[in-house]
């Protein structure tokens, strides 16, 4: 653990995937949304997705993902029905330092 982080705090590196909604997202989304939400819920249950949601203006969505690399996080997002159906048209990823308690650290993805 870094010397500048108190002993009762941990920083977990996760990845934030930002997805841009396409121009036809409002029309396409209703028919694929059940499949998308079921997948996100399953990934949350598995501890892979930490949080997910979209801005209500359908501009962008954020998916916070536990993965070994940015490429692995993007691969998870690329497998989503929203991307293949055109609800999302662009994905970007950045590492994010999530402040948590040490007891919350998953064993395989702690940093």
N, C-alpha and C. Protein backbone atom coordinates (compact mmCIF):
# COMPACT_ATOMS: atom_id res chain seq x y z
N UNK A 1 0.84 -1.18 0.00
CA UNK A 1 0.00 0.00 0.00
C UNK A 1 0.88 1.24 0.00
N UNK A 2 0.47 2.26 -0.68
CA UNK A 2 1.21 3.49 -0.78
C UNK A 2 1.27 4.20 0.58
N UNK A 3 2.39 4.86 0.85
CA UNK A 3 2.59 5.54 2.13
C UNK A 3 1.61 6.69 2.34
N UNK A 4 1.09 7.26 1.27
CA UNK A 4 0.18 8.40 1.42
C UNK A 4 -1.29 7.99 1.56
N UNK A 5 -1.57 6.70 1.60
CA UNK A 5 -2.93 6.20 1.77
C UNK A 5 -3.05 5.64 3.19
N UNK A 6 -3.98 6.16 4.00
CA UNK A 6 -4.14 5.64 5.36
C UNK A 6 -4.41 4.14 5.37
N UNK A 7 -4.03 3.48 6.44
CA UNK A 7 -4.13 2.02 6.56
C UNK A 7 -5.56 1.52 6.43
N UNK A 8 -6.55 2.34 6.79
CA UNK A 8 -7.95 1.90 6.72
C UNK A 8 -8.62 2.27 5.41
N UNK A 9 -7.83 2.66 4.42
CA UNK A 9 -8.33 3.04 3.09
C UNK A 9 -7.56 2.24 2.05
N UNK A 10 -8.22 1.88 0.97
CA UNK A 10 -7.56 1.22 -0.16
C UNK A 10 -8.01 1.89 -1.45
N UNK A 11 -7.16 1.81 -2.44
CA UNK A 11 -7.50 2.32 -3.77
C UNK A 11 -7.56 1.12 -4.71
N UNK A 12 -8.74 0.88 -5.25
CA UNK A 12 -8.93 -0.21 -6.20
C UNK A 12 -8.94 0.37 -7.61
N UNK A 13 -8.06 -0.12 -8.46
CA UNK A 13 -8.06 0.34 -9.85
C UNK A 13 -9.12 -0.44 -10.62
N UNK A 14 -10.07 0.29 -11.14
CA UNK A 14 -11.10 -0.26 -12.02
C UNK A 14 -11.05 0.55 -13.31
N UNK A 15 -11.94 0.26 -14.23
CA UNK A 15 -11.97 0.98 -15.50
C UNK A 15 -13.36 1.55 -15.73
N UNK A 16 -13.39 2.82 -16.13
CA UNK A 16 -14.65 3.47 -16.47
C UNK A 16 -14.77 3.45 -17.99
N UNK A 17 -15.80 2.78 -18.44
CA UNK A 17 -16.11 2.78 -19.87
C UNK A 17 -17.23 3.80 -20.09
N UNK A 18 -16.96 4.75 -20.95
CA UNK A 18 -17.96 5.75 -21.32
C UNK A 18 -18.46 5.39 -22.72
N UNK A 19 -19.76 5.21 -22.82
CA UNK A 19 -20.38 4.81 -24.09
C UNK A 19 -21.24 5.96 -24.60
N UNK A 20 -21.04 6.32 -25.85
CA UNK A 20 -21.85 7.37 -26.48
C UNK A 20 -23.07 6.74 -27.13
N UNK A 21 -24.23 7.28 -26.82
CA UNK A 21 -25.46 6.81 -27.45
C UNK A 21 -25.52 7.29 -28.89
N UNK A 22 -26.02 6.43 -29.78
CA UNK A 22 -26.18 6.77 -31.18
C UNK A 22 -27.40 7.64 -31.41
N UNK A 23 -27.51 8.22 -32.60
CA UNK A 23 -28.63 9.11 -32.91
C UNK A 23 -29.99 8.41 -32.89
N UNK A 24 -30.01 7.09 -33.07
CA UNK A 24 -31.27 6.34 -33.07
C UNK A 24 -31.48 5.55 -31.79
N UNK A 25 -30.72 5.88 -30.76
CA UNK A 25 -30.78 5.11 -29.50
C UNK A 25 -32.19 5.06 -28.92
N UNK A 26 -32.90 6.16 -28.94
CA UNK A 26 -34.24 6.18 -28.34
C UNK A 26 -35.18 5.21 -29.03
N UNK A 27 -35.01 5.00 -30.32
CA UNK A 27 -35.87 4.08 -31.06
C UNK A 27 -35.42 2.62 -30.90
N UNK A 28 -34.12 2.39 -30.88
CA UNK A 28 -33.58 1.03 -30.83
C UNK A 28 -33.63 0.45 -29.41
N UNK A 29 -33.33 1.27 -28.43
CA UNK A 29 -33.12 0.79 -27.06
C UNK A 29 -34.26 -0.05 -26.48
N UNK A 30 -35.52 0.32 -26.65
CA UNK A 30 -36.58 -0.46 -25.99
C UNK A 30 -36.58 -1.95 -26.34
N UNK A 31 -36.25 -2.31 -27.55
CA UNK A 31 -36.32 -3.72 -27.94
C UNK A 31 -35.13 -4.55 -27.44
N UNK A 32 -33.98 -3.89 -27.14
CA UNK A 32 -32.80 -4.63 -26.68
C UNK A 32 -32.49 -4.39 -25.21
N UNK A 33 -33.21 -3.47 -24.60
CA UNK A 33 -32.91 -3.11 -23.20
C UNK A 33 -33.04 -4.28 -22.22
N UNK A 34 -34.07 -5.13 -22.33
CA UNK A 34 -34.14 -6.24 -21.38
C UNK A 34 -32.89 -7.13 -21.40
N UNK A 35 -32.38 -7.44 -22.59
CA UNK A 35 -31.17 -8.26 -22.69
C UNK A 35 -29.96 -7.53 -22.09
N UNK A 36 -29.84 -6.25 -22.40
CA UNK A 36 -28.73 -5.44 -21.87
C UNK A 36 -28.77 -5.40 -20.34
N UNK A 37 -29.93 -5.10 -19.78
CA UNK A 37 -30.05 -4.99 -18.32
C UNK A 37 -29.80 -6.32 -17.63
N UNK A 38 -30.27 -7.41 -18.22
CA UNK A 38 -30.03 -8.73 -17.64
C UNK A 38 -28.54 -9.04 -17.62
N UNK A 39 -27.84 -8.69 -18.68
CA UNK A 39 -26.39 -8.94 -18.74
C UNK A 39 -25.65 -8.08 -17.71
N UNK A 40 -26.02 -6.81 -17.62
CA UNK A 40 -25.37 -5.93 -16.64
C UNK A 40 -25.61 -6.46 -15.23
N UNK A 41 -26.83 -6.89 -14.94
CA UNK A 41 -27.15 -7.43 -13.61
C UNK A 41 -26.32 -8.69 -13.33
N UNK A 42 -26.17 -9.55 -14.33
CA UNK A 42 -25.36 -10.77 -14.16
C UNK A 42 -23.90 -10.42 -13.90
N UNK A 43 -23.37 -9.44 -14.64
CA UNK A 43 -21.99 -9.02 -14.43
C UNK A 43 -21.80 -8.36 -13.07
N UNK A 44 -22.83 -7.66 -12.58
CA UNK A 44 -22.77 -7.11 -11.22
C UNK A 44 -22.75 -8.24 -10.20
N UNK A 45 -23.60 -9.23 -10.40
CA UNK A 45 -23.65 -10.37 -9.49
C UNK A 45 -22.29 -11.08 -9.42
N UNK A 46 -21.58 -11.10 -10.53
CA UNK A 46 -20.27 -11.75 -10.61
C UNK A 46 -19.15 -10.85 -10.07
N UNK A 47 -19.46 -9.59 -9.75
CA UNK A 47 -18.46 -8.66 -9.25
C UNK A 47 -17.62 -8.03 -10.33
N UNK A 48 -18.00 -8.18 -11.58
CA UNK A 48 -17.25 -7.60 -12.70
C UNK A 48 -17.67 -6.15 -12.92
N UNK A 49 -18.95 -5.90 -12.97
CA UNK A 49 -19.47 -4.54 -13.08
C UNK A 49 -19.70 -4.02 -11.67
N UNK A 50 -19.12 -2.87 -11.38
CA UNK A 50 -19.26 -2.22 -10.07
C UNK A 50 -20.51 -1.34 -10.07
N UNK A 51 -20.70 -0.63 -11.16
CA UNK A 51 -21.83 0.29 -11.30
C UNK A 51 -22.05 0.51 -12.78
N UNK A 52 -23.29 0.80 -13.14
CA UNK A 52 -23.60 1.09 -14.55
C UNK A 52 -24.85 1.93 -14.61
N UNK A 53 -24.90 2.77 -15.61
CA UNK A 53 -26.09 3.58 -15.83
C UNK A 53 -25.85 4.60 -16.91
N UNK A 54 -26.94 5.17 -17.39
CA UNK A 54 -26.84 6.16 -18.45
C UNK A 54 -27.45 7.48 -18.04
N UNK A 55 -26.93 8.53 -18.62
CA UNK A 55 -27.54 9.84 -18.41
C UNK A 55 -28.92 9.83 -19.06
N UNK A 56 -29.87 10.43 -18.39
CA UNK A 56 -31.25 10.36 -18.86
C UNK A 56 -31.50 11.14 -20.15
N UNK A 57 -30.53 11.97 -20.56
CA UNK A 57 -30.68 12.67 -21.84
C UNK A 57 -30.17 11.83 -23.02
N UNK A 58 -29.80 10.57 -22.74
CA UNK A 58 -29.27 9.65 -23.76
C UNK A 58 -28.04 10.21 -24.47
N UNK A 59 -27.18 10.89 -23.72
CA UNK A 59 -25.93 11.37 -24.30
C UNK A 59 -24.83 10.32 -24.15
N UNK A 60 -24.63 9.84 -22.93
CA UNK A 60 -23.62 8.84 -22.66
C UNK A 60 -24.06 7.95 -21.50
N UNK A 61 -23.39 6.82 -21.41
CA UNK A 61 -23.57 5.90 -20.29
C UNK A 61 -22.20 5.61 -19.70
N UNK A 62 -22.18 5.25 -18.43
CA UNK A 62 -20.94 4.86 -17.76
C UNK A 62 -21.08 3.45 -17.23
N UNK A 63 -20.04 2.65 -17.43
CA UNK A 63 -19.99 1.30 -16.87
C UNK A 63 -18.64 1.18 -16.16
N UNK A 64 -18.67 0.97 -14.85
CA UNK A 64 -17.46 0.82 -14.05
C UNK A 64 -17.17 -0.67 -13.94
N UNK A 65 -16.01 -1.07 -14.46
CA UNK A 65 -15.69 -2.48 -14.65
C UNK A 65 -14.41 -2.87 -13.93
N UNK A 66 -14.46 -4.00 -13.23
CA UNK A 66 -13.24 -4.62 -12.69
C UNK A 66 -12.66 -5.50 -13.80
N UNK A 67 -11.45 -5.18 -14.20
CA UNK A 67 -10.79 -5.95 -15.25
C UNK A 67 -9.29 -5.83 -15.06
N UNK A 68 -8.54 -6.70 -15.71
CA UNK A 68 -7.09 -6.68 -15.60
C UNK A 68 -6.44 -5.59 -16.43
N UNK A 69 -7.16 -5.05 -17.42
CA UNK A 69 -6.60 -4.04 -18.30
C UNK A 69 -7.73 -3.25 -18.96
N UNK A 70 -7.35 -2.13 -19.55
CA UNK A 70 -8.32 -1.33 -20.30
C UNK A 70 -8.89 -2.12 -21.47
N UNK A 71 -8.03 -2.92 -22.11
CA UNK A 71 -8.47 -3.72 -23.24
C UNK A 71 -9.51 -4.76 -22.81
N UNK A 72 -9.30 -5.35 -21.63
CA UNK A 72 -10.27 -6.33 -21.12
C UNK A 72 -11.59 -5.66 -20.78
N UNK A 73 -11.53 -4.46 -20.22
CA UNK A 73 -12.76 -3.72 -19.91
C UNK A 73 -13.52 -3.38 -21.19
N UNK A 74 -12.78 -2.94 -22.21
CA UNK A 74 -13.42 -2.63 -23.49
C UNK A 74 -14.04 -3.87 -24.12
N UNK A 75 -13.39 -5.00 -23.99
CA UNK A 75 -13.93 -6.24 -24.55
C UNK A 75 -15.27 -6.58 -23.91
N UNK A 76 -15.40 -6.36 -22.61
CA UNK A 76 -16.67 -6.61 -21.92
C UNK A 76 -17.75 -5.69 -22.48
N UNK A 77 -17.42 -4.42 -22.66
CA UNK A 77 -18.39 -3.46 -23.20
C UNK A 77 -18.72 -3.77 -24.66
N UNK A 78 -17.73 -4.18 -25.42
CA UNK A 78 -17.96 -4.49 -26.84
C UNK A 78 -18.90 -5.68 -27.02
N UNK A 79 -18.97 -6.56 -26.05
CA UNK A 79 -19.85 -7.73 -26.14
C UNK A 79 -21.30 -7.40 -25.80
N UNK A 80 -21.59 -6.16 -25.48
CA UNK A 80 -22.95 -5.79 -25.08
C UNK A 80 -23.85 -5.57 -26.30
N UNK A 81 -25.09 -5.98 -26.16
CA UNK A 81 -26.09 -5.81 -27.22
C UNK A 81 -26.28 -4.34 -27.60
N UNK A 82 -26.04 -3.44 -26.66
CA UNK A 82 -26.18 -2.02 -26.98
C UNK A 82 -25.19 -1.59 -28.07
N UNK A 83 -24.00 -2.12 -28.05
CA UNK A 83 -23.04 -1.74 -29.09
C UNK A 83 -23.38 -2.41 -30.41
N UNK A 84 -23.66 -3.69 -30.39
CA UNK A 84 -23.93 -4.39 -31.66
C UNK A 84 -25.24 -3.95 -32.30
N UNK A 85 -26.17 -3.42 -31.52
CA UNK A 85 -27.46 -2.97 -32.08
C UNK A 85 -27.46 -1.50 -32.48
N UNK A 86 -26.44 -0.75 -32.10
CA UNK A 86 -26.39 0.67 -32.45
C UNK A 86 -26.91 1.61 -31.39
N UNK A 87 -27.30 1.10 -30.23
CA UNK A 87 -27.68 2.00 -29.13
C UNK A 87 -26.46 2.81 -28.72
N UNK A 88 -25.32 2.11 -28.55
CA UNK A 88 -24.04 2.77 -28.32
C UNK A 88 -23.27 2.77 -29.63
N UNK A 89 -22.58 3.87 -29.91
CA UNK A 89 -21.82 3.95 -31.15
C UNK A 89 -20.33 4.17 -30.95
N UNK A 90 -19.93 4.50 -29.72
CA UNK A 90 -18.52 4.73 -29.43
C UNK A 90 -18.24 4.39 -27.98
N UNK A 91 -17.07 3.81 -27.74
CA UNK A 91 -16.65 3.47 -26.37
C UNK A 91 -15.29 4.09 -26.10
N UNK A 92 -15.12 4.59 -24.88
CA UNK A 92 -13.84 5.09 -24.40
C UNK A 92 -13.60 4.49 -23.02
N UNK A 93 -12.35 4.30 -22.66
CA UNK A 93 -12.04 3.69 -21.36
C UNK A 93 -10.89 4.44 -20.69
N UNK A 94 -11.00 4.57 -19.36
CA UNK A 94 -9.93 5.16 -18.56
C UNK A 94 -9.84 4.42 -17.24
N UNK A 95 -8.61 4.27 -16.71
CA UNK A 95 -8.48 3.69 -15.38
C UNK A 95 -8.99 4.68 -14.33
N UNK A 96 -9.50 4.15 -13.24
CA UNK A 96 -10.11 4.97 -12.19
C UNK A 96 -9.71 4.39 -10.84
N UNK A 97 -9.24 5.23 -9.95
CA UNK A 97 -8.87 4.80 -8.60
C UNK A 97 -10.06 4.95 -7.67
N UNK A 98 -10.65 3.84 -7.30
CA UNK A 98 -11.86 3.81 -6.47
C UNK A 98 -11.46 3.71 -5.00
N UNK A 99 -11.93 4.65 -4.19
CA UNK A 99 -11.61 4.67 -2.76
C UNK A 99 -12.57 3.75 -2.02
N UNK A 100 -11.98 2.75 -1.33
CA UNK A 100 -12.77 1.77 -0.60
C UNK A 100 -12.05 1.40 0.70
N UNK A 101 -12.66 0.56 1.48
CA UNK A 101 -12.03 -0.01 2.67
C UNK A 101 -11.28 -1.28 2.24
N UNK A 102 -10.17 -1.60 2.87
CA UNK A 102 -9.41 -2.80 2.47
C UNK A 102 -10.24 -4.07 2.44
N UNK A 103 -11.21 -4.21 3.32
CA UNK A 103 -12.05 -5.42 3.34
C UNK A 103 -12.89 -5.56 2.08
N UNK A 104 -13.07 -4.48 1.35
CA UNK A 104 -13.87 -4.50 0.12
C UNK A 104 -13.07 -4.92 -1.10
N UNK A 105 -11.75 -5.01 -0.97
CA UNK A 105 -10.91 -5.35 -2.12
C UNK A 105 -11.16 -6.77 -2.57
N UNK A 106 -11.46 -6.96 -3.85
CA UNK A 106 -11.52 -8.32 -4.38
C UNK A 106 -10.08 -8.87 -4.38
N UNK A 107 -9.94 -10.13 -4.18
CA UNK A 107 -8.60 -10.71 -4.08
C UNK A 107 -7.79 -10.63 -5.37
N UNK A 108 -8.43 -10.76 -6.52
CA UNK A 108 -7.69 -10.83 -7.79
C UNK A 108 -7.43 -9.48 -8.41
N UNK A 109 -8.18 -8.42 -8.06
CA UNK A 109 -8.04 -7.15 -8.79
C UNK A 109 -7.55 -6.01 -7.90
N UNK A 110 -7.09 -6.28 -6.72
CA UNK A 110 -6.63 -5.23 -5.82
C UNK A 110 -5.38 -4.57 -6.37
N UNK A 111 -5.24 -3.27 -6.08
CA UNK A 111 -4.03 -2.55 -6.45
C UNK A 111 -3.59 -1.63 -5.34
